[in-house]
């Protein structure tokens, strides 16, 4: 089977490419990217003859459609703002697609192409990374094992990696998460919250331990109420970032430096302040890691089981990845994000998923075999139930 990785040389894209290069059932991995130099450097680093490069410009719809044709499936690792362009191209090319998701409003737009994808006879799995992605599969697994759901609380925690490193790896997405209003789903409505609000301490499984979390915009609030198979009254999510970084963003926001609204400098240059901030962040030197990294997605599901009120706690814990030969240095968060996208691309290429349309993971992936496959590649899954 042959699989194309769009944006295959970025932080997540390069890991996706490496996972697929090591997958025993994949015959060819095609890096679809505009950066030929970085693509060829990655191919040389991987050293596998089944990895090749094809220049792809996501702004060229016809070229993107033609590049997809002939593939058994496509994994999209481009910045989330390109997700809708890629969805449209996959429909026109009639090629199954999996991606890493976008922000809530973009997710709603993608879901609007469900009927078109059905008519094209393809499945586009949206948000099949870590969160959304593993979080959706864990939540579906839990939802199938309770009688009713009252609330779902998602927590995303990291350990062993400098917060600035997290920010640099996916700077534009991270900036949006840090600066845009958050949402929660509550009693049938979406409630908007201030950026970086709802700070709390949450205890993750060892070795992550206690971390401070804050709310972010997240796609699960859009898809869980519709696709989990059971009604839910509350869905909310928080992620860990260092208190120092959050406090710094509070100050930057007061100064207007995080704003996308253009300003004119003394030199007469008009530029959004946030673009300058991003450029500065990308130039920062990040301290080298001293520890192995770990990443965890946790689901706290409150509801009923056998007539009693319970809390079901489910988590997926990942350690950084070195690959079969121990030559990779992929951090846990990046690996945990890339792995489900890679494995779902393989499933699509093999024709193992019967669903058609544009759907989130909880609506089209059987959680039991998918979690078992993730475990083979290093994901540790935990589950416990207590009465409340």
Protein backbone atom coordinates (compact mmCIF):
# COMPACT_ATOMS: atom_id res chain seq x y z
CA UNK A 1 0.00 0.00 0.00
CA UNK A 2 1.12 3.58 -0.60
CA UNK A 3 0.32 6.49 1.71
CA UNK A 4 0.98 10.20 1.24
CA UNK A 5 1.87 12.41 4.21
CA UNK A 6 0.99 16.04 3.53
CA UNK A 7 3.33 18.34 5.44
CA UNK A 8 5.54 15.31 5.96
CA UNK A 9 8.59 17.24 7.16
CA UNK A 10 7.05 19.24 10.04
CA UNK A 11 7.12 18.32 13.72
CA UNK A 12 4.20 15.87 13.53
CA UNK A 13 4.56 15.19 9.80
CA UNK A 14 8.13 13.93 10.10
CA UNK A 15 7.10 11.57 12.91
CA UNK A 16 4.17 10.36 10.82
CA UNK A 17 6.57 9.66 7.99
CA UNK A 18 8.92 7.74 10.29
CA UNK A 19 6.12 5.62 11.79
CA UNK A 20 4.78 4.71 8.35
CA UNK A 21 8.33 3.95 7.13
CA UNK A 22 8.65 1.43 9.97
CA UNK A 23 5.17 -0.04 9.50
CA UNK A 24 5.57 -3.55 8.03
CA UNK A 25 2.44 -3.33 5.87
CA UNK A 26 3.28 -0.03 4.17
CA UNK A 27 5.07 -0.37 0.82
CA UNK A 28 5.55 3.31 -0.04
CA UNK A 29 5.45 6.58 1.90
CA UNK A 30 5.22 9.75 -0.20
CA UNK A 31 6.13 13.04 1.46
CA UNK A 32 3.85 15.68 -0.03
CA UNK A 33 5.37 19.07 0.75
CA UNK A 34 6.56 22.32 -0.81
CA UNK A 35 9.96 22.09 0.90
CA UNK A 36 12.05 19.81 -1.31
CA UNK A 37 15.29 20.38 0.62
CA UNK A 38 13.89 19.38 4.01
CA UNK A 39 12.01 16.47 2.44
CA UNK A 40 15.17 15.03 0.90
CA UNK A 41 17.06 15.56 4.15
CA UNK A 42 14.37 13.59 5.99
CA UNK A 43 14.47 10.81 3.38
CA UNK A 44 18.22 10.57 3.85
CA UNK A 45 17.81 10.51 7.63
CA UNK A 46 15.24 7.71 7.45
CA UNK A 47 17.30 5.77 4.98
CA UNK A 48 14.41 3.68 3.67
CA UNK A 49 13.95 3.15 -0.05
CA UNK A 50 10.17 3.12 0.35
CA UNK A 51 10.10 6.85 1.27
CA UNK A 52 9.90 9.30 -1.65
CA UNK A 53 9.08 12.96 -2.25
CA UNK A 54 6.49 14.74 -4.38
CA UNK A 55 6.19 18.51 -4.49
CA UNK A 56 2.71 19.51 -3.39
CA UNK A 57 1.36 23.03 -2.98
CA UNK A 58 -1.83 23.03 -0.91
CA UNK A 59 -2.91 26.32 -2.55
CA UNK A 60 -2.99 24.56 -5.95
CA UNK A 61 -6.26 22.62 -5.73
CA UNK A 62 -5.92 20.80 -9.04
CA UNK A 63 -2.29 19.89 -8.30
CA UNK A 64 -3.24 18.65 -4.83
CA UNK A 65 -6.05 16.51 -6.25
CA UNK A 66 -3.72 14.98 -8.87
CA UNK A 67 -1.06 14.31 -6.24
CA UNK A 68 -3.59 12.39 -4.12
CA UNK A 69 -4.80 10.23 -7.00
CA UNK A 70 -3.16 6.85 -7.00
CA UNK A 71 -2.64 6.87 -3.23
CA UNK A 72 -4.36 4.29 -1.06
CA UNK A 73 -4.84 6.94 1.63
CA UNK A 74 -3.57 10.37 2.70
CA UNK A 75 -2.49 11.56 6.15
CA UNK A 76 -2.69 15.34 6.55
CA UNK A 77 -0.17 16.89 8.95
CA UNK A 78 -0.38 20.44 7.61
CA UNK A 79 -1.27 23.39 9.83
CA UNK A 80 -4.94 23.13 10.75
CA UNK A 81 -6.00 26.14 8.66
CA UNK A 82 -5.36 24.02 5.54
CA UNK A 83 -7.65 21.19 6.71
CA UNK A 84 -10.68 22.33 4.73
CA UNK A 85 -8.66 22.70 1.51
CA UNK A 86 -7.34 19.17 1.96
CA UNK A 87 -10.80 17.78 2.72
CA UNK A 88 -12.17 19.27 -0.51
CA UNK A 89 -9.23 17.87 -2.50
CA UNK A 90 -9.67 14.38 -1.03
CA UNK A 91 -13.35 14.42 -1.99
CA UNK A 92 -12.51 15.45 -5.57
CA UNK A 93 -9.73 12.86 -5.76
CA UNK A 94 -11.95 10.21 -4.11
CA UNK A 95 -9.12 9.23 -1.77
CA UNK A 96 -9.64 8.42 1.96
CA UNK A 97 -8.09 10.92 4.33
CA UNK A 98 -7.16 11.27 7.97
CA UNK A 99 -6.01 14.47 9.64
CA UNK A 100 -5.00 15.98 12.98
CA UNK A 101 -8.02 18.24 13.39
CA UNK A 102 -8.54 21.96 13.61
CA UNK A 103 -10.09 24.49 15.93
CA UNK A 104 -13.81 24.13 16.84
CA UNK A 105 -15.23 26.38 14.12
CA UNK A 106 -13.15 24.70 11.42
CA UNK A 107 -14.29 21.30 12.67
CA UNK A 108 -17.91 22.38 12.16
CA UNK A 109 -17.06 23.42 8.59
CA UNK A 110 -15.36 20.10 7.84
CA UNK A 111 -18.34 18.15 9.16
CA UNK A 112 -20.46 20.09 6.70
CA UNK A 113 -18.79 18.12 3.89
CA UNK A 114 -20.08 14.80 5.23
CA UNK A 115 -22.62 14.20 2.46
CA UNK A 116 -20.17 15.16 -0.29
CA UNK A 117 -17.63 12.67 1.06
CA UNK A 118 -20.30 9.98 1.22
CA UNK A 119 -21.20 10.59 -2.43
CA UNK A 120 -17.50 10.36 -3.32
CA UNK A 121 -17.36 7.02 -1.50
CA UNK A 122 -14.60 8.05 0.92
CA UNK A 123 -14.04 8.53 4.64
CA UNK A 124 -12.29 11.59 6.03
CA UNK A 125 -11.40 10.97 9.69
CA UNK A 126 -11.01 14.42 11.21
CA UNK A 127 -9.01 15.00 14.39
CA UNK A 128 -7.16 11.69 14.64
CA UNK A 129 -4.11 12.80 16.60
CA UNK A 130 -3.65 12.97 20.35
CA UNK A 131 -6.38 15.43 21.27
CA UNK A 132 -8.53 15.29 19.31
CA UNK A 133 -7.85 11.66 18.46
CA UNK A 134 -6.82 9.36 21.28
CA UNK A 135 -9.09 11.41 23.56
CA UNK A 136 -12.05 10.63 21.27
CA UNK A 137 -11.30 6.91 21.16
CA UNK A 138 -10.85 6.69 24.94
CA UNK A 139 -14.09 8.60 25.47
CA UNK A 140 -15.98 6.27 23.11
CA UNK A 141 -14.49 3.25 24.89
CA UNK A 142 -15.70 4.69 28.21
CA UNK A 143 -19.10 5.73 26.87
CA UNK A 144 -19.73 2.16 25.76
CA UNK A 145 -19.10 1.01 29.35
CA UNK A 146 -21.45 3.28 31.27
CA UNK A 147 -25.24 3.50 31.29
CA UNK A 148 -25.39 7.29 31.10
CA UNK A 149 -22.97 10.24 30.96
CA UNK A 150 -23.27 13.47 32.88
CA UNK A 151 -19.87 15.07 32.26
CA UNK A 152 -16.56 14.48 30.49
CA UNK A 153 -13.42 16.27 31.66
CA UNK A 154 -10.34 15.95 29.42
CA UNK A 155 -6.85 16.67 30.75
CA UNK A 156 -3.67 16.73 28.66
CA UNK A 157 -0.36 16.58 30.55
CA UNK A 158 3.32 16.53 29.63
CA UNK A 159 6.54 15.88 31.53
CA UNK A 160 10.22 16.19 30.67
CA UNK A 161 9.95 18.86 27.97
CA UNK A 162 10.51 22.59 28.34
CA UNK A 163 7.31 24.61 27.79
CA UNK A 164 9.10 26.80 25.28
CA UNK A 165 9.94 23.69 23.26
CA UNK A 166 6.23 22.83 23.15
CA UNK A 167 5.51 26.35 21.94
CA UNK A 168 8.17 26.33 19.23
CA UNK A 169 7.26 22.98 17.70
CA UNK A 170 3.81 24.04 16.55
CA UNK A 171 4.01 27.74 17.17
CA UNK A 172 0.95 28.99 15.30
CA UNK A 173 -1.37 26.31 16.68
CA UNK A 174 0.07 26.82 20.16
CA UNK A 175 -0.35 30.57 19.88
CA UNK A 176 -4.01 30.15 18.93
CA UNK A 177 -4.57 27.82 21.90
CA UNK A 178 -2.91 30.32 24.24
CA UNK A 179 -4.60 33.47 22.96
CA UNK A 180 -8.06 32.58 21.60
CA UNK A 181 -11.16 32.20 23.78
CA UNK A 182 -11.84 28.70 25.04
CA UNK A 183 -15.18 26.92 24.88
CA UNK A 184 -16.98 24.27 26.86
CA UNK A 185 -20.19 22.40 26.03
CA UNK A 186 -22.74 22.78 28.82
CA UNK A 187 -26.42 21.83 28.89
CA UNK A 188 -26.82 21.94 25.12
CA UNK A 189 -24.94 25.19 24.57
CA UNK A 190 -21.40 26.35 23.88
CA UNK A 191 -20.03 28.62 26.59
CA UNK A 192 -17.07 30.86 25.75
CA UNK A 193 -14.35 31.35 28.35
CA UNK A 194 -11.39 33.78 28.46
CA UNK A 195 -8.03 32.47 27.14
CA UNK A 196 -5.93 30.56 29.69
CA UNK A 197 -8.76 30.51 32.24
CA UNK A 198 -9.97 27.86 34.68
CA UNK A 199 -6.50 27.13 36.03
CA UNK A 200 -6.33 24.11 38.30
CA UNK A 201 -3.93 21.46 39.57
CA UNK A 202 -4.50 17.97 38.19
CA UNK A 203 -2.65 14.78 39.11
CA UNK A 204 -1.68 12.63 36.11
CA UNK A 205 -0.34 9.06 36.31
CA UNK A 206 3.36 8.72 37.16
CA UNK A 207 5.84 9.98 36.16
CA UNK A 208 3.93 13.12 35.15
CA UNK A 209 2.28 13.78 38.50
CA UNK A 210 0.66 17.07 39.49
CA UNK A 211 0.49 19.74 36.80
CA UNK A 212 -1.28 23.08 36.42
CA UNK A 213 -3.88 23.07 33.62
CA UNK A 214 -5.94 25.72 31.80
CA UNK A 215 -8.77 25.69 29.28
CA UNK A 216 -8.17 25.77 25.51
CA UNK A 217 -10.34 25.74 22.37
CA UNK A 218 -10.90 22.08 21.52
CA UNK A 219 -12.78 20.03 18.95
CA UNK A 220 -14.14 17.38 21.32
CA UNK A 221 -16.71 19.93 22.56
CA UNK A 222 -18.12 19.94 19.02
CA UNK A 223 -18.10 16.20 18.34
CA UNK A 224 -18.70 14.42 21.68
CA UNK A 225 -22.30 15.62 22.17
CA UNK A 226 -23.24 14.34 18.71
CA UNK A 227 -21.13 11.23 18.12
CA UNK A 228 -20.49 9.44 21.43
CA UNK A 229 -23.73 7.47 21.23
CA UNK A 230 -25.06 8.83 24.54
CA UNK A 231 -26.23 12.28 25.67
CA UNK A 232 -23.75 14.33 27.68
CA UNK A 233 -24.37 17.50 29.70
CA UNK A 234 -20.84 18.86 30.05
CA UNK A 235 -17.63 18.53 27.99
CA UNK A 236 -14.55 20.57 28.91
CA UNK A 237 -10.80 20.30 28.43
CA UNK A 238 -7.62 21.66 30.00
CA UNK A 239 -3.95 21.28 29.08
CA UNK A 240 -0.71 21.73 31.00
CA UNK A 241 1.68 24.55 30.30
CA UNK A 242 4.10 26.03 32.83
CA UNK A 243 2.78 28.76 35.11
CA UNK A 244 5.68 30.95 34.03
CA UNK A 245 4.65 30.77 30.37
CA UNK A 246 0.98 31.44 31.15
CA UNK A 247 1.86 34.43 33.32
CA UNK A 248 4.09 35.80 30.56
CA UNK A 249 1.22 35.54 28.09
CA UNK A 250 -1.02 37.41 30.51
CA UNK A 251 1.47 40.29 30.35
CA UNK A 252 1.96 40.08 26.58
CA UNK A 253 -1.79 40.19 26.10
CA UNK A 254 -2.07 43.35 28.22
CA UNK A 255 0.59 44.96 26.04
CA UNK A 256 -1.33 43.96 22.88
CA UNK A 257 1.56 41.86 21.57
CA UNK A 258 -0.64 38.77 21.02
CA UNK A 259 -3.13 40.67 18.84
CA UNK A 260 -3.69 39.71 15.18
CA UNK A 261 -4.83 43.26 14.40
CA UNK A 262 -2.11 45.03 12.30
CA UNK A 263 -0.23 48.02 13.69
CA UNK A 264 2.09 50.42 11.87
CA UNK A 265 5.62 50.73 13.23
CA UNK A 266 7.77 53.86 13.31
CA UNK A 267 9.49 52.58 10.16
CA UNK A 268 6.15 52.59 8.35
CA UNK A 269 5.79 48.80 8.28
CA UNK A 270 2.29 47.44 8.94
CA UNK A 271 2.33 44.05 10.66
CA UNK A 272 0.19 42.05 13.14
CA UNK A 273 2.00 42.10 16.52
CA UNK A 274 1.43 38.37 16.94
CA UNK A 275 3.46 37.69 13.77
CA UNK A 276 6.43 39.51 15.30
CA UNK A 277 5.98 37.53 18.51
CA UNK A 278 5.93 34.26 16.58
CA UNK A 279 9.09 35.21 14.69
CA UNK A 280 10.84 35.96 17.98
CA UNK A 281 9.68 32.68 19.56
CA UNK A 282 11.03 30.69 16.61
CA UNK A 283 14.49 32.21 17.15
CA UNK A 284 14.66 31.40 20.85
CA UNK A 285 17.18 28.83 22.01
CA UNK A 286 15.56 25.96 23.88
CA UNK A 287 17.47 24.17 26.68
CA UNK A 288 18.33 20.54 25.80
CA UNK A 289 16.16 17.85 27.39
CA UNK A 290 17.59 16.21 30.49
CA UNK A 291 14.88 13.61 30.93
CA UNK A 292 12.85 11.25 28.80
CA UNK A 293 9.51 12.81 27.92
CA UNK A 294 6.07 11.48 28.80
CA UNK A 295 2.65 12.58 27.60
CA UNK A 296 -0.79 11.66 28.93
CA UNK A 297 -4.37 12.23 27.86
CA UNK A 298 -6.85 11.60 30.69
CA UNK A 299 -10.64 11.29 30.58
CA UNK A 300 -12.71 11.75 33.74
CA UNK A 301 -16.23 10.56 32.87
CA UNK A 302 -19.02 10.96 35.41
CA UNK A 303 -22.32 9.16 34.96
CA UNK A 304 -24.18 6.06 36.04
CA UNK A 305 -23.49 2.32 35.90
CA UNK A 306 -25.85 -0.37 37.15
CA UNK A 307 -28.00 2.24 38.86
CA UNK A 308 -25.14 3.91 40.75
CA UNK A 309 -23.35 7.22 40.23
CA UNK A 310 -19.76 6.59 39.21
CA UNK A 311 -16.63 8.24 37.88
CA UNK A 312 -14.74 6.35 35.19
CA UNK A 313 -11.12 7.46 34.85
CA UNK A 314 -9.36 6.46 31.63
CA UNK A 315 -5.93 7.50 30.42
CA UNK A 316 -3.48 6.94 27.59
CA UNK A 317 0.18 7.42 28.57
CA UNK A 318 3.06 7.53 26.09
CA UNK A 319 6.82 7.72 26.40
CA UNK A 320 9.06 9.27 23.75
CA UNK A 321 9.85 7.05 20.77
CA UNK A 322 13.19 5.79 19.57
CA UNK A 323 11.94 3.43 16.87
CA UNK A 324 12.98 -0.14 16.20
CA UNK A 325 16.67 0.66 15.89
CA UNK A 326 16.66 3.23 18.67
CA UNK A 327 17.78 6.02 16.35
CA UNK A 328 14.85 8.44 16.69
CA UNK A 329 14.51 11.13 19.34
CA UNK A 330 10.81 11.84 19.01
CA UNK A 331 9.24 13.43 22.10
CA UNK A 332 6.22 11.76 23.67
CA UNK A 333 3.71 14.44 22.73
CA UNK A 334 4.74 14.45 19.08
CA UNK A 335 4.74 10.65 18.92
CA UNK A 336 1.35 10.36 20.64
CA UNK A 337 -0.07 12.86 18.15
CA UNK A 338 1.40 11.28 15.01
CA UNK A 339 0.84 7.61 15.85
CA UNK A 340 -3.00 7.43 15.69
CA UNK A 341 -2.99 9.42 12.46
CA UNK A 342 -0.47 7.01 10.95
CA UNK A 343 -2.34 3.90 12.09
CA UNK A 344 -5.70 5.23 10.87
CA UNK A 345 -4.09 5.99 7.48
CA UNK A 346 -3.04 2.34 7.28
CA UNK A 347 -6.55 1.18 8.18
CA UNK A 348 -8.03 3.43 5.49
CA UNK A 349 -5.53 2.18 2.92
CA UNK A 350 -6.47 -1.42 3.74
CA UNK A 351 -10.18 -0.66 3.49
CA UNK A 352 -10.79 -1.81 7.07
CA UNK A 353 -13.24 0.97 8.01
CA UNK A 354 -16.72 0.64 6.54
CA UNK A 355 -17.92 4.18 7.29
CA UNK A 356 -18.08 6.90 4.66
CA UNK A 357 -18.33 10.66 5.05
CA UNK A 358 -16.51 13.19 7.24
CA UNK A 359 -16.46 11.85 10.78
CA UNK A 360 -14.51 12.19 14.05
CA UNK A 361 -12.74 9.10 15.49
CA UNK A 362 -15.46 8.29 18.03
CA UNK A 363 -17.97 7.92 15.18
CA UNK A 364 -16.01 5.61 12.88
CA UNK A 365 -13.23 3.79 14.77
CA UNK A 366 -13.95 0.70 16.85
CA UNK A 367 -12.15 1.67 20.07
CA UNK A 368 -11.18 -1.85 21.17
CA UNK A 369 -9.01 -2.92 18.19
CA UNK A 370 -7.72 0.62 17.67
CA UNK A 371 -6.52 0.90 21.26
CA UNK A 372 -4.96 -2.55 21.00
CA UNK A 373 -3.01 -1.41 17.94
CA UNK A 374 -1.87 1.74 19.75
CA UNK A 375 -0.68 -0.43 22.65
CA UNK A 376 1.52 -2.42 20.26
CA UNK A 377 3.31 0.83 19.46
CA UNK A 378 3.78 1.85 23.09
CA UNK A 379 0.59 3.46 24.41
CA UNK A 380 -0.20 2.48 28.00
CA UNK A 381 -3.93 2.53 28.76
CA UNK A 382 -5.43 2.67 32.24
CA UNK A 383 -9.03 2.43 33.45
CA UNK A 384 -10.64 2.61 36.89
CA UNK A 385 -14.14 3.08 38.26
CA UNK A 386 -15.24 4.48 41.63
CA UNK A 387 -18.60 5.31 43.18
CA UNK A 388 -19.36 8.97 43.81
